Amino acid sequence: MAIPAAGTGEDMSELAHRLQSGHFTITAELVPPVSSDAQEVVKRAAPLKGLVTAVNVTDGAGARAHLSSLAAARILIENGVEPILQMTCRDRNRLALQSDLLGALAFGIRNLLVVTGDDPKAGDQPDAKPVFDLDSTGLLALAHRLSHERRLASGALVSGPTALFLGAAALPFDPPAEWFPKDLVAKADAGARFLQTQFCMDLGIVRRWTRRLDELGLTEQLKVLIGIAPLASARSARWMRQRLYGTIIPDALIERLDQAADPRREGITICAELLGELSAIPGVAGAHIMAPANPDAIPEAVAAAG
């Protein structure tokens, strides 16, 4: 099922424009602070301005409370940084989700990444009650209807701008023969136009995974941005592999960090190398750089990659 592009002309985000034009695109991630001070968001985002196309604003990552993603995304817009609003299904029912979508559109937010959300039991308030009224595919379909039909789930007509560029999350892996990605096909049919993946720093796996997506015609519908990181140390890389579900970091990269005189600098070098190599892989539209414990390294890695 072909899904039309979200918006044209002034309605189209820079992220949508670059991906649909075939430019290799770099995005980064920002975790909002545990603070009500807008300047803390500005400070975190400033080094990324002009280096990446758009910045993801996480929504209660790790099942922990932070400044709301909606507020942080608005702060980014006010400071000349294009946001990608993350929205989880964990915390709100469909009424609240639709209200937040309207709020995002009123704020000028055009990029939306839909995720399921971490289980509250994994966070620092494990007694919090999860909602999960919709799953990620259901929320994508709801947002797509709003964007292209200008209607809420009830059928109510929406006035004002509604164009959204919709994205979903994915977990690359080494696909077996004849693997068929039912979940990604469902997300594409529901309206997703781009994918941002979990950390996958094994380029052999990236090539085989995206080759299969390409064979199925999915890389035309879903622009794939591969998740990578400027690794701070071998210890950090091992922790990520053990604790962050779906993370793929080859032993060879960890050994490089182990042997490096300056592991942090080596991690930045590795990230810059990966950016260059990813840009040459068919079916890869860009990279998504995440470094929640090492955010200052993101602009250094992008700059090093040229």
Protein backbone atom coordinates (compact mmCIF):
# COMPACT_ATOMS: atom_id res chain seq x y z
CA MET A 1 0.00 0.00 0.00
CA ALA A 2 1.56 3.30 -1.08
CA ILE A 3 1.36 6.05 1.52
CA PRO A 4 1.48 9.65 0.24
CA ALA A 5 4.15 12.01 1.48
CA ALA A 6 3.34 14.17 4.47
CA GLY A 7 2.89 17.68 3.25
CA THR A 8 4.32 19.66 0.39
CA GLY A 9 5.99 23.02 0.16
CA GLU A 10 5.78 24.94 3.42
CA ASP A 11 4.10 21.97 5.15
CA MET A 12 7.06 19.65 4.53
CA SER A 13 9.68 19.35 7.25
CA GLU A 14 13.36 19.56 6.38
CA LEU A 15 13.70 15.92 7.48
CA ALA A 16 10.99 14.84 5.03
CA HIS A 17 12.50 16.95 2.26
CA ARG A 18 16.02 15.54 2.67
CA LEU A 19 14.93 11.91 2.96
CA GLN A 20 12.52 12.10 0.05
CA SER A 21 15.20 13.83 -2.04
CA GLY A 22 17.63 11.00 -1.44
CA HIS A 23 20.18 12.93 0.64
CA PHE A 24 22.08 10.97 3.30
CA THR A 25 20.53 12.34 6.48
CA ILE A 26 21.84 12.50 10.05
CA THR A 27 19.60 12.86 13.07
CA ALA A 28 20.52 12.88 16.75
CA GLU A 29 18.79 12.26 20.05
CA LEU A 30 18.18 14.57 22.99
CA VAL A 31 16.90 13.36 26.35
CA PRO A 32 14.96 16.20 28.02
CA PRO A 33 16.30 17.16 31.44
CA VAL A 34 14.67 16.51 34.78
CA SER A 35 14.09 20.24 34.97
CA SER A 36 11.57 22.97 34.22
CA ASP A 37 14.32 25.31 32.99
CA ALA A 38 13.99 25.74 29.20
CA GLN A 39 17.59 26.90 28.97
CA GLU A 40 18.77 23.41 29.86
CA VAL A 41 17.14 22.12 26.68
CA VAL A 42 18.67 24.97 24.70
CA LYS A 43 22.10 24.18 26.11
CA ARG A 44 21.83 20.49 25.19
CA ALA A 45 20.62 21.22 21.66
CA ALA A 46 22.92 24.13 20.76
CA PRO A 47 25.94 21.98 19.72
CA LEU A 48 23.75 20.05 17.28
CA LYS A 49 22.32 23.08 15.49
CA GLY A 50 23.43 23.11 11.87
CA LEU A 51 25.17 19.72 12.15
CA VAL A 52 22.17 17.39 12.00
CA THR A 53 18.90 17.68 10.12
CA ALA A 54 16.62 17.02 13.09
CA VAL A 55 16.80 16.12 16.77
CA ASN A 56 14.68 13.44 18.43
CA VAL A 57 13.14 14.41 21.75
CA THR A 58 12.57 11.29 23.84
CA ASP A 59 9.27 10.67 25.64
CA GLY A 60 9.89 9.25 29.11
CA ALA A 61 12.85 7.15 27.96
CA GLY A 62 13.75 4.34 30.33
CA ALA A 63 10.30 4.73 31.92
CA ARG A 64 11.50 7.79 33.84
CA ALA A 65 9.91 11.22 34.10
CA HIS A 66 11.58 14.14 32.34
CA LEU A 67 10.47 17.46 30.91
CA SER A 68 7.70 16.59 28.46
CA SER A 69 8.79 15.79 24.92
CA LEU A 70 6.12 18.16 23.58
CA ALA A 71 7.47 21.10 25.59
CA ALA A 72 11.08 20.27 24.71
CA ALA A 73 10.24 20.01 21.00
CA ARG A 74 8.62 23.44 21.10
CA ILE A 75 11.72 24.86 22.79
CA LEU A 76 13.84 23.42 19.97
CA ILE A 77 11.66 25.09 17.33
CA GLU A 78 11.95 28.42 19.13
CA ASN A 79 15.72 28.06 18.95
CA GLY A 80 16.02 27.09 15.30
CA VAL A 81 16.38 23.31 15.70
CA GLU A 82 13.97 20.98 13.90
CA PRO A 83 12.54 18.39 16.32
CA ILE A 84 11.32 14.86 15.90
CA LEU A 85 8.69 14.39 18.57
CA GLN A 86 8.72 10.95 20.14
CA MET A 87 5.35 9.75 21.36
CA THR A 88 4.89 6.57 23.38
CA CYS A 89 1.77 4.45 23.71
CA ARG A 90 2.61 3.67 27.33
CA ASP A 91 1.34 6.74 29.15
CA ARG A 92 -1.80 8.03 27.42
CA ASN A 93 -5.06 6.73 26.04
CA ARG A 94 -6.21 7.60 22.54
CA LEU A 95 -8.01 10.75 23.70
CA ALA A 96 -4.86 12.19 25.27
CA LEU A 97 -2.71 11.07 22.34
CA GLN A 98 -4.95 12.88 19.86
CA SER A 99 -4.94 16.00 22.01
CA ASP A 100 -1.13 15.94 22.09
CA LEU A 101 -0.98 15.45 18.32
CA LEU A 102 -3.11 18.57 17.86
CA GLY A 103 -0.89 20.40 20.32
CA ALA A 104 2.21 19.34 18.39
CA LEU A 105 0.72 20.60 15.13
CA ALA A 106 -0.23 23.91 16.77
CA PHE A 107 3.40 24.27 17.90
CA GLY A 108 4.67 23.74 14.35
CA ILE A 109 5.99 20.21 14.96
CA ARG A 110 5.89 18.14 11.77
CA ASN A 111 8.01 15.05 12.54
CA LEU A 112 6.65 12.27 14.75
CA LEU A 113 8.34 9.04 15.86
CA VAL A 114 5.87 6.55 17.34
CA VAL A 115 7.18 4.02 19.86
CA THR A 116 5.57 1.58 22.25
CA GLY A 117 7.45 2.81 25.34
CA ASP A 118 9.46 1.04 28.00
CA ASP A 119 7.63 -0.97 30.66
CA PRO A 120 7.23 1.16 33.84
CA LYS A 121 8.70 -1.74 35.83
CA ALA A 122 12.04 -0.94 34.18
CA GLY A 123 12.01 2.62 35.48
CA ASP A 124 12.39 4.41 38.80
CA GLN A 125 8.64 4.36 39.62
CA PRO A 126 7.74 0.71 38.96
CA ASP A 127 4.25 1.03 40.51
CA ALA A 128 3.17 3.42 37.73
CA LYS A 129 0.24 2.01 35.73
CA PRO A 130 0.84 1.57 32.00
CA VAL A 131 -1.93 2.47 29.55
CA PHE A 132 -1.16 0.95 26.13
CA ASP A 133 -4.62 1.82 24.80
CA LEU A 134 -3.06 1.71 21.31
CA ASP A 135 -0.01 -0.11 20.04
CA SER A 136 2.53 1.69 17.84
CA THR A 137 0.84 0.57 14.61
CA GLY A 138 -2.52 1.77 15.88
CA LEU A 139 -1.10 5.16 16.83
CA LEU A 140 0.56 5.48 13.42
CA ALA A 141 -2.76 4.80 11.73
CA LEU A 142 -4.50 7.35 13.93
CA ALA A 143 -1.83 9.99 13.18
CA HIS A 144 -1.94 9.17 9.48
CA ARG A 145 -5.69 9.66 9.35
CA LEU A 146 -5.32 12.99 11.14
CA SER A 147 -2.57 14.05 8.76
CA HIS A 148 -4.18 13.05 5.45
CA GLU A 149 -7.91 12.98 6.11
CA ARG A 150 -7.94 15.80 8.69
CA ARG A 151 -10.05 13.66 10.99
CA LEU A 152 -9.81 12.28 14.51
CA ALA A 153 -10.63 8.66 15.33
CA SER A 154 -14.20 9.74 16.05
CA GLY A 155 -14.53 11.17 12.55
CA ALA A 156 -14.50 14.76 13.82
CA LEU A 157 -13.04 17.17 11.26
CA VAL A 158 -9.87 19.02 12.30
CA SER A 159 -9.12 22.59 11.24
CA GLY A 160 -5.64 24.07 10.95
CA PRO A 161 -2.45 22.40 9.72
CA THR A 162 -2.36 18.61 9.96
CA ALA A 163 0.64 17.47 7.88
CA LEU A 164 2.87 15.02 9.78
CA PHE A 165 5.94 13.05 8.69
CA LEU A 166 5.58 9.75 10.51
CA GLY A 167 8.29 7.42 11.70
CA ALA A 168 8.65 4.14 13.58
CA ALA A 169 11.35 2.23 15.42
CA ALA A 170 13.04 -0.96 14.23
CA LEU A 171 15.51 -3.60 15.45
CA PRO A 172 17.99 -4.70 12.76
CA PHE A 173 19.27 -8.28 12.95
CA ASP A 174 20.83 -10.88 10.68
CA PRO A 175 17.76 -12.04 8.72
CA PRO A 176 17.26 -15.72 7.89
CA ALA A 177 16.40 -16.74 4.35
CA GLU A 178 12.85 -15.82 3.35
CA TRP A 179 12.40 -13.54 6.38
CA PHE A 180 9.33 -11.36 5.95
CA PRO A 181 9.07 -8.28 8.22
CA LYS A 182 5.35 -8.33 8.97
CA ASP A 183 5.67 -5.65 11.64
CA LEU A 184 7.46 -3.21 9.33
CA VAL A 185 5.01 -3.83 6.51
CA ALA A 186 2.16 -3.12 8.95
CA LYS A 187 3.82 0.10 10.08
CA ALA A 188 4.37 1.21 6.48
CA ASP A 189 0.73 0.46 5.67
CA ALA A 190 -0.31 2.44 8.76
CA GLY A 191 1.55 5.53 7.53
CA ALA A 192 5.20 5.33 8.62
CA ARG A 193 7.58 6.94 6.14
CA PHE A 194 10.89 6.57 7.97
CA LEU A 195 12.54 4.17 10.42
CA GLN A 196 15.05 4.88 13.16
CA THR A 197 16.74 1.77 14.48
CA GLN A 198 18.28 0.54 17.69
CA PHE A 199 22.09 0.61 17.82
CA CYS A 200 23.45 -1.56 15.00
CA MET A 201 27.17 -1.02 14.50
CA ASP A 202 27.83 -4.24 12.57
CA LEU A 203 27.80 -3.13 8.94
CA GLY A 204 27.56 -6.69 7.65
CA ILE A 205 24.26 -7.09 9.46
CA VAL A 206 23.13 -3.66 8.24
CA ARG A 207 23.85 -4.67 4.64
CA ARG A 208 22.01 -7.98 4.88
CA TRP A 209 19.03 -6.50 6.75
CA THR A 210 18.56 -3.54 4.42
CA ARG A 211 19.13 -5.76 1.36
CA ARG A 212 16.13 -7.84 2.41
CA LEU A 213 14.03 -4.73 3.00
CA ASP A 214 15.09 -3.47 -0.43
CA GLU A 215 14.16 -6.77 -2.09
CA LEU A 216 10.67 -6.35 -0.66
CA GLY A 217 10.42 -2.74 -1.84
CA LEU A 218 10.26 -1.40 1.71
CA THR A 219 13.21 0.97 1.44
CA GLU A 220 11.16 3.07 -0.96
CA GLN A 221 8.34 3.40 1.56
CA LEU A 222 10.47 3.48 4.71
CA LYS A 223 13.60 5.63 4.73
CA VAL A 224 15.99 3.79 7.05
CA LEU A 225 18.22 5.63 9.53
CA ILE A 226 20.60 3.26 11.31
CA GLY A 227 21.25 3.83 15.02
CA ILE A 228 24.90 4.29 16.00
CA ALA A 229 26.80 5.79 18.93
CA PRO A 230 30.08 7.50 19.77
CA LEU A 231 31.02 4.83 22.30
CA ALA A 232 32.67 6.22 25.43
CA SER A 233 34.57 3.07 26.41
CA ALA A 234 34.69 -0.70 26.03
CA ARG A 235 32.91 -1.00 29.37
CA SER A 236 30.10 1.24 28.14
CA ALA A 237 29.79 -0.78 24.92
CA ARG A 238 29.53 -4.05 26.87
CA TRP A 239 26.89 -2.53 29.15
CA MET A 240 24.86 -1.42 26.13
CA ARG A 241 24.97 -4.89 24.59
CA GLN A 242 23.83 -6.47 27.84
CA ARG A 243 21.19 -3.95 28.93
CA LEU A 244 19.73 -2.30 25.83
CA TYR A 245 17.54 -4.76 24.00
CA GLY A 246 18.49 -5.34 20.37
CA THR A 247 21.83 -3.50 20.54
CA ILE A 248 24.46 -4.87 18.16
CA ILE A 249 28.10 -3.87 18.70
CA PRO A 250 30.77 -6.18 17.20
CA ASP A 251 33.57 -7.58 19.36
CA ALA A 252 36.09 -5.96 16.99
CA LEU A 253 34.89 -2.47 17.91
CA ILE A 254 35.01 -3.24 21.61
CA GLU A 255 38.56 -4.53 21.20
CA ARG A 256 39.52 -1.24 19.49
CA LEU A 257 38.20 0.64 22.49
CA ASP A 258 40.00 -1.70 24.89
CA GLN A 259 43.31 -1.11 23.14
CA ALA A 260 42.95 2.64 22.59
CA ALA A 261 45.04 5.10 24.60
CA ASP A 262 42.04 7.46 24.55
CA PRO A 263 38.85 5.34 24.36
CA ARG A 264 36.53 8.33 24.12
CA ARG A 265 38.41 9.74 21.13
CA GLU A 266 38.49 6.28 19.54
CA GLY A 267 34.72 6.01 20.00
CA ILE A 268 34.26 9.28 18.14
CA THR A 269 36.56 8.07 15.37
CA ILE A 270 34.59 4.82 15.05
CA CYS A 271 31.30 6.73 14.87
CA ALA A 272 32.69 9.02 12.15
CA GLU A 273 33.93 6.02 10.17
CA LEU A 274 30.53 4.36 10.42
CA LEU A 275 28.82 7.50 9.11
CA GLY A 276 31.01 7.40 6.03
CA GLU A 277 30.46 3.69 5.42
CA LEU A 278 26.71 3.82 6.02
CA SER A 279 26.36 6.52 3.37
CA ALA A 280 27.54 4.01 0.76
CA ILE A 281 25.16 1.15 1.67
CA PRO A 282 22.14 0.79 -0.65
CA GLY A 283 18.88 1.09 1.23
CA VAL A 284 20.38 3.15 4.06
CA ALA A 285 18.97 6.68 4.00
CA GLY A 286 20.91 8.03 6.96
CA ALA A 287 22.08 7.55 10.52
CA HIS A 288 20.55 8.27 13.90
CA ILE A 289 23.17 9.06 16.55
CA MET A 290 22.32 8.38 20.18
CA ALA A 291 24.58 8.96 23.19
CA PRO A 292 22.48 9.46 26.34
CA ALA A 293 25.51 9.21 28.65
CA ASN A 294 27.92 10.95 26.28
CA PRO A 295 25.95 13.65 24.40
CA ASP A 296 28.87 16.02 23.89
CA ALA A 297 30.49 13.44 21.61
CA ILE A 298 27.69 13.59 19.00
CA PRO A 299 28.68 16.91 17.39
CA GLU A 300 32.34 15.87 17.51
CA ALA A 301 31.57 12.66 15.60
CA VAL A 302 29.48 14.45 12.96
CA ALA A 303 32.18 17.11 12.51
CA ALA A 304 34.86 14.42 12.24
CA ALA A 305 32.87 12.70 9.50
CA GLY A 306 32.82 15.91 7.49
